[in-house]
Structure formats: C-alpha cells, structure tokens
Amino acid sequence: MAVLGSTSPIKSIQRGVTSAASNGTANVTINEVDLDKSFISWTSRNGYINGDGPGISNGASLTTSTNLKIWGGWSYGLTGDVYSFTYWEVVEYV
C-alpha cells in the first residue's frame, strides 16, 4: 500500500443536503473550486409526497465554480409534487 505521508491529494471537501421538488431545481452556493480538479458525489432519498405517486429521481452538477445545481425529476404515474433530499459532496484535488 502506498504511503502518502503528510501530503494529502485532497484540497477541499464540501458537504451538504438540500431538497428539490419534482421537475424543479435548487442551486447551492459553494466555496470556489477548480472545475477541472473537482467531482460530485451524491445520493438521494424520497422526502415526502404532496399528492400520490411512486417516487422520483434526481441529479446534481457543477454549473460554475461556485454553484452546485440539484434537480428533481419524476417517475411514471406521479401526481402532485414529490420532494427528495439530496446528500451531496464536492471533492477538489490539489
């Protein structure tokens, strides 16, 4: 196993949780990162349903060096708004 010593290849890690309604978006302001040296890790879960439907899907992307966009989607048979929680992490390397 390689030993990194006291130098870490990671410059910063930013984490949070946000929600987005079905077919809606949420923009999260983050500290500035280098887009060429950063990636997003995210997962989501259904929050609550205002209506009646089977569930949702969503996603995340870095739209600028200081903005993380979260969007909500919907699956077949959905009626009403579905709110999901997206747990996100932005990792920037040196």
Protein backbone atom coordinates (compact mmCIF):
# COMPACT_ATOMS: atom_id res chain seq x y z
CA MET A 1 0.00 0.00 0.00
CA ALA A 2 1.30 3.43 -0.92
CA VAL A 3 2.02 5.85 1.87
CA LEU A 4 1.02 9.46 1.29
CA GLY A 5 2.97 10.86 4.20
CA SER A 6 1.77 14.24 5.43
CA THR A 7 0.66 15.43 1.98
CA SER A 8 -2.97 14.90 1.03
CA PRO A 9 -4.11 14.86 -2.60
CA ILE A 10 -7.40 16.44 -1.47
CA LYS A 11 -7.57 20.23 -1.33
CA SER A 12 -11.13 20.57 -0.01
CA ILE A 13 -14.34 18.69 0.71
CA GLN A 14 -17.69 20.43 0.94
CA ARG A 15 -20.83 18.57 2.04
CA GLY A 16 -24.48 19.33 2.50
CA VAL A 17 -28.08 18.30 2.00
CA THR A 18 -30.78 20.06 0.03
CA SER A 19 -34.15 19.27 -1.47
CA ALA A 20 -35.81 19.82 -4.82
CA ALA A 21 -39.40 19.34 -5.90
CA SER A 22 -40.35 17.21 -8.87
CA ASN A 23 -39.33 18.91 -12.10
CA GLY A 24 -37.71 21.66 -10.02
CA THR A 25 -34.18 22.75 -9.24
CA ALA A 26 -32.23 24.02 -6.27
CA ASN A 27 -28.96 25.96 -6.54
CA VAL A 28 -26.42 25.64 -3.75
CA THR A 29 -23.64 28.20 -3.38
CA ILE A 30 -20.32 26.54 -2.54
CA ASN A 31 -16.81 27.82 -1.95
CA GLU A 32 -14.96 28.26 -5.25
CA VAL A 33 -13.42 25.10 -6.73
CA ASP A 34 -11.37 24.32 -9.83
CA LEU A 35 -13.85 22.51 -12.10
CA ASP A 36 -11.02 20.53 -13.76
CA LYS A 37 -9.94 19.13 -10.39
CA SER A 38 -13.34 18.54 -8.73
CA PHE A 39 -16.09 15.96 -8.75
CA ILE A 40 -19.51 15.46 -7.14
CA SER A 41 -20.66 12.52 -5.12
CA TRP A 42 -24.38 12.49 -4.34
CA THR A 43 -27.20 10.28 -3.24
CA SER A 44 -30.87 10.93 -2.63
CA ARG A 45 -33.94 9.61 -0.90
CA ASN A 46 -37.60 10.47 -1.13
CA GLY A 47 -38.71 13.00 1.39
CA TYR A 48 -42.44 13.45 1.31
CA ILE A 49 -45.14 13.38 -1.31
CA ASN A 50 -47.70 16.12 -1.78
CA GLY A 51 -50.12 14.04 -3.85
CA ASP A 52 -49.93 10.39 -4.82
CA GLY A 53 -47.14 8.74 -6.81
CA PRO A 54 -44.48 6.03 -6.89
CA GLY A 55 -41.32 8.12 -6.46
CA ILE A 56 -38.73 10.35 -8.03
CA SER A 57 -35.21 10.52 -9.38
CA ASN A 58 -32.86 13.49 -9.32
CA GLY A 59 -29.33 14.63 -10.10
CA ALA A 60 -26.57 17.14 -9.45
CA SER A 61 -23.99 19.06 -11.47
CA LEU A 62 -21.44 21.82 -11.01
CA THR A 63 -22.70 24.62 -13.24
CA THR A 64 -19.99 27.12 -12.22
CA SER A 65 -17.01 27.09 -9.89
CA THR A 66 -19.31 28.30 -7.06
CA ASN A 67 -22.68 26.72 -7.93
CA LEU A 68 -23.99 23.20 -7.47
CA LYS A 69 -27.31 22.58 -9.22
CA ILE A 70 -29.68 19.93 -7.82
CA TRP A 71 -32.69 18.92 -9.86
CA GLY A 72 -35.74 16.82 -9.11
CA GLY A 73 -37.38 14.51 -11.60
CA TRP A 74 -40.38 12.25 -11.54
CA SER A 75 -41.24 8.70 -12.48
CA TYR A 76 -44.20 7.35 -14.45
CA GLY A 77 -47.55 7.71 -12.70
CA LEU A 78 -46.62 10.63 -10.48
CA THR A 79 -49.31 13.10 -9.47
CA GLY A 80 -48.53 16.03 -7.21
CA ASP A 81 -45.10 17.29 -6.15
CA VAL A 82 -42.51 14.95 -4.71
CA TYR A 83 -39.74 16.40 -2.58
CA SER A 84 -36.49 14.47 -2.30
CA PHE A 85 -33.42 15.06 -0.17
CA THR A 86 -30.09 15.07 -1.98
CA TYR A 87 -26.97 14.49 0.11
CA TRP A 88 -24.01 15.91 -1.81
CA GLU A 89 -20.27 16.17 -1.54
CA VAL A 90 -17.88 18.19 -3.74
CA VAL A 91 -14.27 16.99 -3.62
CA GLU A 92 -11.46 19.13 -5.05
CA TYR A 93 -7.98 17.70 -5.62
CA VAL A 94 -4.70 19.61 -5.40
